[in-house]
Amino acid sequence: MQNTPTNANMAKPETSAKQKSHLTTLLLAFFFSIFGVHRFYTGYIGIGFAQLFTLGGLGLWSVIDVICISFNRYKDKMGNPLKDYNMPAGIVIAVVTLLVAVLQSMVRLGNL
């Protein structure tokens, strides 16, 4: 009698791409979001170019992306959540991003 593979014994092909790192995406967004680097990293090539050509939507798009990534509300192109969510790092980056945005606004308006 021959051994025939059953569905349980057959290796399943990998259907999804490798999950992207939360911390890597967060740091790319924090330091290079006006260039859309985090979008390229997570597979959003078209949106990456849009951010590149608009300088992160004049900064507003960048701030929104950093906050979304910080609180784990961002998925890669395949719809997978980012792996190894680090809440303390996310909160620190979100707070720093908001402080920098407020300080920049105050400087531009001449209030600082």
N, C-alpha and C. Protein backbone atom coordinates (compact mmCIF):
# COMPACT_ATOMS: atom_id res chain seq x y z
N MET A 1 0.83 -1.18 0.00
CA MET A 1 0.00 0.00 0.00
C MET A 1 0.88 1.25 0.00
N GLN A 2 0.56 2.15 -0.86
CA GLN A 2 1.35 3.37 -0.96
C GLN A 2 0.85 4.41 0.01
N ASN A 3 1.81 5.21 0.49
CA ASN A 3 1.44 6.35 1.33
C ASN A 3 1.06 7.51 0.43
N THR A 4 -0.16 7.95 0.54
CA THR A 4 -0.58 9.12 -0.23
C THR A 4 -0.78 10.27 0.74
N PRO A 5 -0.30 11.42 0.36
CA PRO A 5 -0.44 12.55 1.29
C PRO A 5 -1.90 12.97 1.43
N THR A 6 -2.26 13.28 2.64
CA THR A 6 -3.61 13.79 2.89
C THR A 6 -3.52 15.30 3.06
N ASN A 7 -4.66 15.93 3.12
CA ASN A 7 -4.68 17.38 3.30
C ASN A 7 -3.98 17.81 4.57
N ALA A 8 -4.07 17.01 5.62
CA ALA A 8 -3.44 17.36 6.89
C ALA A 8 -1.92 17.28 6.80
N ASN A 9 -1.42 16.35 5.95
CA ASN A 9 0.03 16.16 5.86
C ASN A 9 0.70 17.10 4.86
N MET A 10 -0.06 17.67 3.98
CA MET A 10 0.53 18.52 2.94
C MET A 10 0.95 19.86 3.53
N ALA A 11 2.10 20.31 3.10
CA ALA A 11 2.58 21.61 3.56
C ALA A 11 1.73 22.70 2.92
N LYS A 12 1.35 23.65 3.73
CA LYS A 12 0.54 24.75 3.22
C LYS A 12 1.46 25.81 2.63
N PRO A 13 1.16 26.27 1.43
CA PRO A 13 1.98 27.34 0.88
C PRO A 13 1.72 28.63 1.65
N GLU A 14 2.74 29.42 1.77
CA GLU A 14 2.61 30.68 2.48
C GLU A 14 1.80 31.64 1.63
N THR A 15 0.68 32.09 2.17
CA THR A 15 -0.21 32.94 1.39
C THR A 15 -0.01 34.42 1.66
N SER A 16 0.61 34.75 2.74
CA SER A 16 0.79 36.17 3.05
C SER A 16 2.27 36.50 3.13
N ALA A 17 2.57 37.73 2.83
CA ALA A 17 3.95 38.19 2.90
C ALA A 17 4.38 38.30 4.36
N LYS A 18 5.64 38.43 4.56
CA LYS A 18 6.18 38.56 5.90
C LYS A 18 5.62 39.80 6.57
N GLN A 19 5.23 39.67 7.83
CA GLN A 19 4.70 40.82 8.57
C GLN A 19 5.80 41.85 8.78
N LYS A 20 5.41 43.10 8.71
CA LYS A 20 6.35 44.20 8.91
C LYS A 20 6.42 44.54 10.39
N SER A 21 7.57 45.00 10.82
CA SER A 21 7.80 45.34 12.22
C SER A 21 7.14 46.66 12.59
N HIS A 22 6.47 46.67 13.73
CA HIS A 22 5.84 47.88 14.23
C HIS A 22 6.88 48.95 14.54
N LEU A 23 7.92 48.57 15.27
CA LEU A 23 8.93 49.55 15.67
C LEU A 23 9.66 50.14 14.46
N THR A 24 9.99 49.32 13.49
CA THR A 24 10.65 49.82 12.28
C THR A 24 9.74 50.79 11.55
N THR A 25 8.47 50.42 11.39
CA THR A 25 7.52 51.30 10.71
C THR A 25 7.36 52.60 11.48
N LEU A 26 7.28 52.52 12.79
CA LEU A 26 7.11 53.71 13.63
C LEU A 26 8.32 54.64 13.52
N LEU A 27 9.51 54.10 13.57
CA LEU A 27 10.71 54.94 13.46
C LEU A 27 10.86 55.54 12.06
N LEU A 28 10.55 54.76 11.04
CA LEU A 28 10.59 55.30 9.68
C LEU A 28 9.58 56.44 9.52
N ALA A 29 8.40 56.26 10.09
CA ALA A 29 7.37 57.30 10.00
C ALA A 29 7.79 58.54 10.79
N PHE A 30 8.36 58.35 11.96
CA PHE A 30 8.75 59.50 12.79
C PHE A 30 9.85 60.33 12.12
N PHE A 31 10.86 59.67 11.59
CA PHE A 31 12.01 60.40 11.04
C PHE A 31 11.86 60.76 9.56
N PHE A 32 11.14 59.95 8.79
CA PHE A 32 11.12 60.16 7.33
C PHE A 32 9.71 60.20 6.74
N SER A 33 8.69 60.48 7.54
CA SER A 33 7.32 60.39 7.02
C SER A 33 7.02 61.43 5.96
N ILE A 34 7.70 62.57 5.96
CA ILE A 34 7.42 63.54 4.89
C ILE A 34 7.86 63.02 3.53
N PHE A 35 8.71 62.01 3.53
CA PHE A 35 9.14 61.39 2.28
C PHE A 35 8.38 60.10 1.98
N GLY A 36 7.50 59.67 2.88
CA GLY A 36 6.69 58.48 2.67
C GLY A 36 7.45 57.17 2.79
N VAL A 37 8.59 57.17 3.44
CA VAL A 37 9.42 55.97 3.53
C VAL A 37 8.67 54.82 4.20
N HIS A 38 7.90 55.10 5.25
CA HIS A 38 7.17 54.04 5.93
C HIS A 38 6.10 53.43 5.02
N ARG A 39 5.56 54.20 4.09
CA ARG A 39 4.57 53.69 3.15
C ARG A 39 5.23 52.72 2.16
N PHE A 40 6.43 53.08 1.69
CA PHE A 40 7.16 52.17 0.80
C PHE A 40 7.47 50.87 1.54
N TYR A 41 7.91 50.98 2.80
CA TYR A 41 8.28 49.82 3.60
C TYR A 41 7.11 48.86 3.78
N THR A 42 5.90 49.39 3.96
CA THR A 42 4.73 48.54 4.20
C THR A 42 3.97 48.19 2.93
N GLY A 43 4.50 48.56 1.77
CA GLY A 43 3.94 48.12 0.50
C GLY A 43 3.02 49.10 -0.20
N TYR A 44 2.78 50.24 0.39
CA TYR A 44 1.91 51.25 -0.22
C TYR A 44 2.74 52.16 -1.13
N ILE A 45 3.13 51.65 -2.28
CA ILE A 45 4.03 52.37 -3.18
C ILE A 45 3.39 53.66 -3.71
N GLY A 46 2.15 53.58 -4.16
CA GLY A 46 1.47 54.75 -4.72
C GLY A 46 1.31 55.86 -3.70
N ILE A 47 0.87 55.49 -2.49
CA ILE A 47 0.72 56.49 -1.43
C ILE A 47 2.09 57.02 -1.01
N GLY A 48 3.11 56.16 -1.07
CA GLY A 48 4.47 56.60 -0.76
C GLY A 48 4.92 57.71 -1.69
N PHE A 49 4.66 57.53 -2.99
CA PHE A 49 5.02 58.59 -3.95
C PHE A 49 4.19 59.84 -3.72
N ALA A 50 2.91 59.68 -3.38
CA ALA A 50 2.07 60.85 -3.10
C ALA A 50 2.62 61.63 -1.90
N GLN A 51 3.05 60.92 -0.87
CA GLN A 51 3.64 61.61 0.29
C GLN A 51 4.98 62.23 -0.08
N LEU A 52 5.73 61.56 -0.90
CA LEU A 52 7.02 62.09 -1.32
C LEU A 52 6.86 63.41 -2.08
N PHE A 53 5.91 63.45 -3.01
CA PHE A 53 5.73 64.64 -3.84
C PHE A 53 5.02 65.78 -3.12
N THR A 54 4.27 65.48 -2.05
CA THR A 54 3.57 66.53 -1.31
C THR A 54 4.23 66.83 0.03
N LEU A 55 5.41 66.24 0.24
CA LEU A 55 6.12 66.37 1.51
C LEU A 55 5.21 66.00 2.69
N GLY A 56 4.66 64.81 2.58
CA GLY A 56 3.81 64.30 3.66
C GLY A 56 2.52 65.08 3.81
N GLY A 57 1.97 65.53 2.71
CA GLY A 57 0.74 66.33 2.79
C GLY A 57 0.99 67.60 3.57
N LEU A 58 2.16 68.22 3.30
CA LEU A 58 2.62 69.43 4.01
C LEU A 58 2.70 69.20 5.51
N GLY A 59 3.03 67.99 5.89
CA GLY A 59 3.25 67.66 7.30
C GLY A 59 2.04 67.08 8.00
N LEU A 60 0.86 67.45 7.58
CA LEU A 60 -0.35 66.98 8.26
C LEU A 60 -0.53 65.47 8.10
N TRP A 61 -0.36 64.98 6.88
CA TRP A 61 -0.48 63.55 6.60
C TRP A 61 0.54 62.78 7.43
N SER A 62 1.73 63.33 7.57
CA SER A 62 2.79 62.68 8.34
C SER A 62 2.40 62.54 9.80
N VAL A 63 1.88 63.59 10.39
CA VAL A 63 1.49 63.55 11.80
C VAL A 63 0.39 62.51 12.01
N ILE A 64 -0.59 62.49 11.12
CA ILE A 64 -1.68 61.52 11.24
C ILE A 64 -1.15 60.09 11.13
N ASP A 65 -0.24 59.85 10.19
CA ASP A 65 0.33 58.50 10.04
C ASP A 65 1.10 58.08 11.29
N VAL A 66 1.90 58.97 11.84
CA VAL A 66 2.68 58.62 13.03
C VAL A 66 1.75 58.27 14.18
N ILE A 67 0.68 59.03 14.35
CA ILE A 67 -0.26 58.75 15.44
C ILE A 67 -0.97 57.42 15.20
N CYS A 68 -1.40 57.16 13.97
CA CYS A 68 -2.06 55.88 13.67
C CYS A 68 -1.12 54.70 13.92
N ILE A 69 0.11 54.82 13.50
CA ILE A 69 1.08 53.74 13.72
C ILE A 69 1.37 53.60 15.20
N SER A 70 1.47 54.71 15.92
CA SER A 70 1.77 54.68 17.35
C SER A 70 0.75 53.88 18.13
N PHE A 71 -0.52 54.00 17.74
CA PHE A 71 -1.58 53.32 18.47
C PHE A 71 -2.07 52.07 17.75
N ASN A 72 -1.22 51.51 16.90
CA ASN A 72 -1.45 50.23 16.23
C ASN A 72 -2.73 50.22 15.39
N ARG A 73 -3.01 51.31 14.71
CA ARG A 73 -4.18 51.42 13.83
C ARG A 73 -3.75 51.44 12.37
N TYR A 74 -2.66 50.80 12.06
CA TYR A 74 -2.08 50.83 10.71
C TYR A 74 -1.79 49.40 10.29
N LYS A 75 -2.15 49.05 9.08
CA LYS A 75 -1.90 47.71 8.54
C LYS A 75 -1.05 47.83 7.28
N ASP A 76 -0.37 46.75 6.94
CA ASP A 76 0.43 46.78 5.72
C ASP A 76 -0.48 46.60 4.50
N LYS A 77 0.09 46.61 3.33
CA LYS A 77 -0.66 46.54 2.07
C LYS A 77 -1.52 45.28 1.98
N MET A 78 -1.08 44.20 2.57
CA MET A 78 -1.81 42.93 2.53
C MET A 78 -2.91 42.85 3.60
N GLY A 79 -3.04 43.89 4.42
CA GLY A 79 -4.05 43.90 5.47
C GLY A 79 -3.60 43.27 6.77
N ASN A 80 -2.32 42.93 6.84
CA ASN A 80 -1.78 42.31 8.06
C ASN A 80 -1.44 43.39 9.08
N PRO A 81 -1.70 43.13 10.36
CA PRO A 81 -1.26 44.08 11.38
C PRO A 81 0.26 44.05 11.50
N LEU A 82 0.82 45.11 11.98
CA LEU A 82 2.26 45.16 12.19
C LEU A 82 2.61 44.25 13.36
N LYS A 83 3.74 43.56 13.27
CA LYS A 83 4.10 42.60 14.32
C LYS A 83 4.83 43.28 15.47
N ASP A 84 4.73 42.67 16.63
CA ASP A 84 5.44 43.10 17.85
C ASP A 84 5.09 44.53 18.24
N TYR A 85 3.79 44.80 18.38
CA TYR A 85 3.35 46.13 18.80
C TYR A 85 3.97 46.48 20.14
N ASN A 86 4.55 47.68 20.21
CA ASN A 86 5.23 48.16 21.40
C ASN A 86 4.51 49.41 21.88
N MET A 87 3.56 49.24 22.81
CA MET A 87 2.74 50.37 23.24
C MET A 87 3.54 51.49 23.88
N PRO A 88 4.50 51.23 24.78
CA PRO A 88 5.25 52.36 25.36
C PRO A 88 5.98 53.19 24.30
N ALA A 89 6.61 52.52 23.35
CA ALA A 89 7.31 53.26 22.29
C ALA A 89 6.31 54.06 21.46
N GLY A 90 5.17 53.48 21.19
CA GLY A 90 4.15 54.16 20.41
C GLY A 90 3.65 55.41 21.10
N ILE A 91 3.40 55.32 22.40
CA ILE A 91 2.91 56.48 23.15
C ILE A 91 3.96 57.58 23.19
N VAL A 92 5.21 57.21 23.44
CA VAL A 92 6.28 58.21 23.49
C VAL A 92 6.42 58.91 22.14
N ILE A 93 6.44 58.17 21.06
CA ILE A 93 6.57 58.77 19.73
C ILE A 93 5.36 59.66 19.41
N ALA A 94 4.16 59.22 19.78
CA ALA A 94 2.96 60.02 19.52
C ALA A 94 3.01 61.34 20.27
N VAL A 95 3.40 61.30 21.53
CA VAL A 95 3.48 62.53 22.34
C VAL A 95 4.55 63.46 21.79
N VAL A 96 5.70 62.92 21.46
CA VAL A 96 6.78 63.76 20.91
C VAL A 96 6.35 64.37 19.58
N THR A 97 5.67 63.60 18.75
CA THR A 97 5.20 64.10 17.46
C THR A 97 4.23 65.26 17.65
N LEU A 98 3.29 65.10 18.57
CA LEU A 98 2.33 66.16 18.83
C LEU A 98 3.01 67.42 19.39
N LEU A 99 3.97 67.23 20.29
CA LEU A 99 4.70 68.38 20.84
C LEU A 99 5.48 69.11 19.76
N VAL A 100 6.15 68.37 18.90
CA VAL A 100 6.91 68.99 17.81
C VAL A 100 5.97 69.74 16.87
N ALA A 101 4.83 69.15 16.55
CA ALA A 101 3.87 69.82 15.66
C ALA A 101 3.35 71.11 16.28
N VAL A 102 3.04 71.09 17.58
CA VAL A 102 2.56 72.30 18.25
C VAL A 102 3.65 73.36 18.30
N LEU A 103 4.87 72.96 18.63
CA LEU A 103 5.98 73.93 18.69
C LEU A 103 6.26 74.54 17.32
N GLN A 104 6.21 73.73 16.28
CA GLN A 104 6.42 74.27 14.94
C GLN A 104 5.34 75.27 14.57
N SER A 105 4.12 74.97 14.94
CA SER A 105 3.01 75.89 14.66
C SER A 105 3.20 77.21 15.41
N MET A 106 3.63 77.11 16.65
CA MET A 106 3.84 78.32 17.45
C MET A 106 4.97 79.17 16.88
N VAL A 107 6.02 78.53 16.44
CA VAL A 107 7.15 79.26 15.84
C VAL A 107 6.71 79.95 14.56
N ARG A 108 5.97 79.25 13.75
CA ARG A 108 5.51 79.83 12.47
C ARG A 108 4.58 81.01 12.70
N LEU A 109 3.78 80.94 13.75
CA LEU A 109 2.85 82.03 14.04
C LEU A 109 3.51 83.16 14.82
N GLY A 110 4.74 82.96 15.24
CA GLY A 110 5.48 83.99 15.97
C GLY A 110 5.13 84.06 17.44
N ASN A 111 4.55 83.02 17.99
CA ASN A 111 4.18 83.01 19.40
C ASN A 111 5.25 82.43 20.30
N LEU A 112 6.37 82.08 19.74
CA LEU A 112 7.43 81.49 20.55
C LEU A 112 8.75 82.12 20.21
